[in-house]
C-alpha atoms as a PDB file:
ATOM      1  CA  UNK A   1    -188.422 131.304-140.662  1.00  0.00           C
ATOM      2  CA  UNK A   2    -186.822 131.424-137.218  1.00  0.00           C
ATOM      3  CA  UNK A   3    -184.952 129.391-134.616  1.00  0.00           C
ATOM      4  CA  UNK A   4    -184.870 129.273-130.840  1.00  0.00           C
ATOM      5  CA  UNK A   5    -181.600 129.846-128.976  1.00  0.00           C
ATOM      6  CA  UNK A   6    -181.669 128.024-125.636  1.00  0.00           C
ATOM      7  CA  UNK A   7    -179.402 129.447-122.898  1.00  0.00           C
ATOM      8  CA  UNK A   8    -178.725 128.347-119.368  1.00  0.00           C
ATOM      9  CA  UNK A   9    -176.735 130.765-117.257  1.00  0.00           C
ATOM     10  CA  UNK A  10    -175.750 131.276-113.604  1.00  0.00           C
ATOM     11  CA  UNK A  11    -173.645 134.151-112.303  1.00  0.00           C
ATOM     12  CA  UNK A  12    -172.811 135.535-108.871  1.00  0.00           C
ATOM     13  CA  UNK A  13    -171.586 138.883-107.705  1.00  0.00           C
ATOM     14  CA  UNK A  14    -170.459 140.011-104.205  1.00  0.00           C
ATOM     15  CA  UNK A  15    -171.862 143.382-103.235  1.00  0.00           C
ATOM     16  CA  UNK A  16    -170.936 145.793-100.441  1.00  0.00           C
ATOM     17  CA  UNK A  17    -174.468 146.172 -99.164  1.00  0.00           C
ATOM     18  CA  UNK A  18    -176.687 144.432 -96.574  1.00  0.00           C
ATOM     19  CA  UNK A  19    -178.626 141.437 -97.847  1.00  0.00           C
ATOM     20  CA  UNK A  20    -182.046 143.007 -97.153  1.00  0.00           C
ATOM     21  CA  UNK A  21    -181.091 146.032 -99.297  1.00  0.00           C
ATOM     22  CA  UNK A  22    -179.999 143.792-102.129  1.00  0.00           C
ATOM     23  CA  UNK A  23    -183.151 141.694-101.845  1.00  0.00           C
ATOM     24  CA  UNK A  24    -185.382 144.783-101.803  1.00  0.00           C
ATOM     25  CA  UNK A  25    -183.877 145.842-105.143  1.00  0.00           C
ATOM     26  CA  UNK A  26    -184.168 142.513-106.943  1.00  0.00           C
ATOM     27  CA  UNK A  27    -187.739 142.129-105.635  1.00  0.00           C
ATOM     28  CA  UNK A  28    -188.723 145.469-107.170  1.00  0.00           C
ATOM     29  CA  UNK A  29    -189.067 144.431-110.831  1.00  0.00           C
ATOM     30  CA  UNK A  30    -189.772 147.931-112.303  1.00  0.00           C
ATOM     31  CA  UNK A  31    -186.826 149.508-110.537  1.00  0.00           C
ATOM     32  CA  UNK A  32    -184.579 146.534-111.324  1.00  0.00           C
ATOM     33  CA  UNK A  33    -185.508 146.793-114.989  1.00  0.00           C
ATOM     34  CA  UNK A  34    -183.969 150.261-115.157  1.00  0.00           C
ATOM     35  CA  UNK A  35    -180.508 148.686-114.579  1.00  0.00           C
ATOM     36  CA  UNK A  36    -180.750 146.150-117.445  1.00  0.00           C
ATOM     37  CA  UNK A  37    -178.778 147.303-120.519  1.00  0.00           C
ATOM     38  CA  UNK A  38    -180.630 147.548-123.825  1.00  0.00           C
ATOM     39  CA  UNK A  39    -184.108 147.220-122.201  1.00  0.00           C
ATOM     40  CA  UNK A  40    -186.842 149.345-123.651  1.00  0.00           C
ATOM     41  CA  UNK A  41    -189.334 148.843-120.872  1.00  0.00           C
ATOM     42  CA  UNK A  42    -190.913 146.620-118.218  1.00  0.00           C
ATOM     43  CA  UNK A  43    -194.704 146.552-118.200  1.00  0.00           C
ATOM     44  CA  UNK A  44    -196.729 145.504-115.102  1.00  0.00           C
ATOM     45  CA  UNK A  45    -199.381 143.102-116.390  1.00  0.00           C
ATOM     46  CA  UNK A  46    -200.843 142.582-112.898  1.00  0.00           C
ATOM     47  CA  UNK A  47    -200.846 139.602-110.537  1.00  0.00           C
ATOM     48  CA  UNK A  48    -197.028 139.660-110.262  1.00  0.00           C
ATOM     49  CA  UNK A  49    -196.645 139.238-114.037  1.00  0.00           C
ATOM     50  CA  UNK A  50    -194.305 141.550-115.965  1.00  0.00           C
ATOM     51  CA  UNK A  51    -193.613 141.932-119.659  1.00  0.00           C
ATOM     52  CA  UNK A  52    -189.947 142.657-120.497  1.00  0.00           C
ATOM     53  CA  UNK A  53    -189.307 144.359-123.863  1.00  0.00           C
ATOM     54  CA  UNK A  54    -185.737 144.672-125.111  1.00  0.00           C
ATOM     55  CA  UNK A  55    -184.657 147.421-127.401  1.00  0.00           C
ATOM     56  CA  UNK A  56    -185.086 146.628-131.077  1.00  0.00           C
ATOM     57  CA  UNK A  57    -181.852 145.769-132.854  1.00  0.00           C
ATOM     58  CA  UNK A  58    -181.084 145.724-136.551  1.00  0.00           C
ATOM     59  CA  UNK A  59    -181.527 148.082-139.459  1.00  0.00           C
ATOM     60  CA  UNK A  60    -184.523 150.276-140.359  1.00  0.00           C
ATOM     61  CA  UNK A  61    -186.137 147.750-142.667  1.00  0.00           C
ATOM     62  CA  UNK A  62    -185.318 144.629-140.559  1.00  0.00           C
ATOM     63  CA  UNK A  63    -185.067 144.444-136.814  1.00  0.00           C
ATOM     64  CA  UNK A  64    -185.707 142.051-133.996  1.00  0.00           C
ATOM     65  CA  UNK A  65    -186.980 142.544-130.515  1.00  0.00           C
ATOM     66  CA  UNK A  66    -187.001 140.086-127.639  1.00  0.00           C
ATOM     67  CA  UNK A  67    -190.120 140.214-125.523  1.00  0.00           C
ATOM     68  CA  UNK A  68    -191.061 137.862-122.735  1.00  0.00           C
ATOM     69  CA  UNK A  69    -193.482 137.596-119.838  1.00  0.00           C
ATOM     70  CA  UNK A  70    -192.689 136.273-116.396  1.00  0.00           C
ATOM     71  CA  UNK A  71    -194.726 135.588-113.219  1.00  0.00           C
ATOM     72  CA  UNK A  72    -192.787 136.399-110.090  1.00  0.00           C
ATOM     73  CA  UNK A  73    -192.823 134.760-106.648  1.00  0.00           C
ATOM     74  CA  UNK A  74    -191.162 136.403-103.678  1.00  0.00           C
ATOM     75  CA  UNK A  75    -189.734 134.799-100.506  1.00  0.00           C
ATOM     76  CA  UNK A  76    -188.388 137.578 -98.281  1.00  0.00           C
ATOM     77  CA  UNK A  77    -187.395 135.230 -95.451  1.00  0.00           C
ATOM     78  CA  UNK A  78    -185.141 133.274 -97.828  1.00  0.00           C
ATOM     79  CA  UNK A  79    -184.258 136.419 -99.811  1.00  0.00           C
ATOM     80  CA  UNK A  80    -185.204 134.691-102.992  1.00  0.00           C
ATOM     81  CA  UNK A  81    -187.152 135.840-106.067  1.00  0.00           C
ATOM     82  CA  UNK A  82    -188.231 133.295-108.680  1.00  0.00           C
ATOM     83  CA  UNK A  83    -189.898 133.761-112.067  1.00  0.00           C
ATOM     84  CA  UNK A  84    -191.548 131.437-114.514  1.00  0.00           C
ATOM     85  CA  UNK A  85    -192.292 132.054-118.155  1.00  0.00           C
ATOM     86  CA  UNK A  86    -195.753 133.180-119.244  1.00  0.00           C
ATOM     87  CA  UNK A  87    -195.978 131.561-122.654  1.00  0.00           C
ATOM     88  CA  UNK A  88    -198.792 133.789-123.925  1.00  0.00           C
ATOM     89  CA  UNK A  89    -196.696 136.963-123.580  1.00  0.00           C
ATOM     90  CA  UNK A  90    -193.992 137.784-126.114  1.00  0.00           C
ATOM     91  CA  UNK A  91    -191.793 135.743-128.461  1.00  0.00           C
ATOM     92  CA  UNK A  92    -189.306 134.329-125.969  1.00  0.00           C
ATOM     93  CA  UNK A  93    -189.389 132.402-122.665  1.00  0.00           C
ATOM     94  CA  UNK A  94    -187.406 133.007-119.509  1.00  0.00           C
ATOM     95  CA  UNK A  95    -187.466 131.544-116.029  1.00  0.00           C
ATOM     96  CA  UNK A  96    -185.022 131.631-113.192  1.00  0.00           C
ATOM     97  CA  UNK A  97    -184.213 133.095-109.745  1.00  0.00           C
ATOM     98  CA  UNK A  98    -182.324 135.669-107.740  1.00  0.00           C
ATOM     99  CA  UNK A  99    -180.826 134.436-104.465  1.00  0.00           C
ATOM    100  CA  UNK A 100    -179.326 136.911-101.935  1.00  0.00           C
ATOM    101  CA  UNK A 101    -177.002 135.536 -99.245  1.00  0.00           C
ATOM    102  CA  UNK A 102    -175.575 137.430 -96.311  1.00  0.00           C
ATOM    103  CA  UNK A 103    -171.788 137.243 -96.177  1.00  0.00           C
ATOM    104  CA  UNK A 104    -171.411 139.340 -92.978  1.00  0.00           C
ATOM    105  CA  UNK A 105    -170.000 142.804 -92.315  1.00  0.00           C
ATOM    106  CA  UNK A 106    -172.391 144.486 -94.792  1.00  0.00           C
ATOM    107  CA  UNK A 107    -171.507 142.145 -97.652  1.00  0.00           C
ATOM    108  CA  UNK A 108    -173.913 140.068 -99.713  1.00  0.00           C
ATOM    109  CA  UNK A 109    -173.655 137.529-102.527  1.00  0.00           C
ATOM    110  CA  UNK A 110    -176.223 137.873-105.327  1.00  0.00           C
ATOM    111  CA  UNK A 111    -176.836 134.848-107.581  1.00  0.00           C
ATOM    112  CA  UNK A 112    -178.655 135.132-110.858  1.00  0.00           C
ATOM    113  CA  UNK A 113    -179.832 131.930-112.588  1.00  0.00           C
ATOM    114  CA  UNK A 114    -181.867 131.598-115.707  1.00  0.00           C
ATOM    115  CA  UNK A 115    -183.045 129.316-118.480  1.00  0.00           C
ATOM    116  CA  UNK A 116    -183.966 131.216-121.565  1.00  0.00           C
ATOM    117  CA  UNK A 117    -185.468 130.326-124.926  1.00  0.00           C
ATOM    118  CA  UNK A 118    -184.888 133.229-127.254  1.00  0.00           C
ATOM    119  CA  UNK A 119    -186.814 133.469-130.480  1.00  0.00           C
ATOM    120  CA  UNK A 120    -184.524 134.603-133.290  1.00  0.00           C
ATOM    121  CA  UNK A 121    -186.489 135.521-136.467  1.00  0.00           C
ATOM    122  CA  UNK A 122    -183.813 134.684-139.027  1.00  0.00           C
ATOM    123  CA  UNK A 123    -183.647 131.661-141.308  1.00  0.00           C
ATOM    124  CA  UNK A 124    -182.515 128.571-139.497  1.00  0.00           C
ATOM    125  CA  UNK A 125    -179.798 128.160-142.174  1.00  0.00           C
ATOM    126  CA  UNK A 126    -177.856 130.933-140.390  1.00  0.00           C
ATOM    127  CA  UNK A 127    -178.376 129.467-136.933  1.00  0.00           C
ATOM    128  CA  UNK A 128    -174.726 128.233-136.785  1.00  0.00           C
ATOM    129  CA  UNK A 129    -173.463 131.723-137.389  1.00  0.00           C
ATOM    130  CA  UNK A 130    -176.089 133.764-135.435  1.00  0.00           C
ATOM    131  CA  UNK A 131    -176.626 131.404-132.486  1.00  0.00           C
ATOM    132  CA  UNK A 132    -173.244 131.976-130.786  1.00  0.00           C
ATOM    133  CA  UNK A 133    -173.635 135.753-131.325  1.00  0.00           C
ATOM    134  CA  UNK A 134    -177.035 135.676-129.620  1.00  0.00           C
ATOM    135  CA  UNK A 135    -175.670 133.724-126.694  1.00  0.00           C
ATOM    136  CA  UNK A 136    -172.664 136.073-126.422  1.00  0.00           C
ATOM    137  CA  UNK A 137    -174.868 139.167-126.367  1.00  0.00           C
ATOM    138  CA  UNK A 138    -177.120 137.626-123.785  1.00  0.00           C
ATOM    139  CA  UNK A 139    -174.249 136.624-121.467  1.00  0.00           C
ATOM    140  CA  UNK A 140    -172.695 140.116-121.891  1.00  0.00           C
ATOM    141  CA  UNK A 141    -175.966 141.842-121.045  1.00  0.00           C
ATOM    142  CA  UNK A 142    -176.353 139.758-117.869  1.00  0.00           C
ATOM    143  CA  UNK A 143    -172.809 140.525-116.789  1.00  0.00           C
ATOM    144  CA  UNK A 144    -173.378 144.271-117.362  1.00  0.00           C
ATOM    145  CA  UNK A 145    -176.697 143.943-115.540  1.00  0.00           C
ATOM    146  CA  UNK A 146    -175.017 142.475-112.484  1.00  0.00           C
ATOM    147  CA  UNK A 147    -172.358 145.132-112.563  1.00  0.00           C
ATOM    148  CA  UNK A 148    -175.031 147.844-112.754  1.00  0.00           C
ATOM    149  CA  UNK A 149    -176.804 146.331-109.745  1.00  0.00           C
ATOM    150  CA  UNK A 150    -173.541 146.209-107.779  1.00  0.00           C
ATOM    151  CA  UNK A 151    -172.642 149.851-108.696  1.00  0.00           C
ATOM    152  CA  UNK A 152    -176.134 151.029-107.874  1.00  0.00           C
ATOM    153  CA  UNK A 153    -176.133 149.412-104.411  1.00  0.00           C
ATOM    154  CA  UNK A 154    -172.550 150.435-103.550  1.00  0.00           C
ATOM    155  CA  UNK A 155    -172.981 154.122-104.543  1.00  0.00           C
END
């Protein structure tokens, strides 16, 4: 038994770095993946498709792992990266975008927006207890991810 936790999230962060530098980082999926907390690996599947594999969580005899595939589209002129779910890869679905806006004087605004459907392999009877925890962990990971990106670019 399992349930799906749907999450919609949008966050922004201002970064002391030129917009092109910020865009070049978010458009480099393997390099970007190194800044995501609790990520095991990003696998290049070819044709701008990447498989994201989170670290396994749980105990030795029972653990869960979020895996999803996404196809990326890049628009350097608009400084925008979009991704769509690839349903045949993994156990979860995620789509969204990065948008980089120039603020002037070497400052940029980075916007992250996503719609996620996370597969949680626990009985649906515990959804009321586990669902909010899954959402909290997801939001916390995104916020740490954005902070890691900001720190990386400002160092």
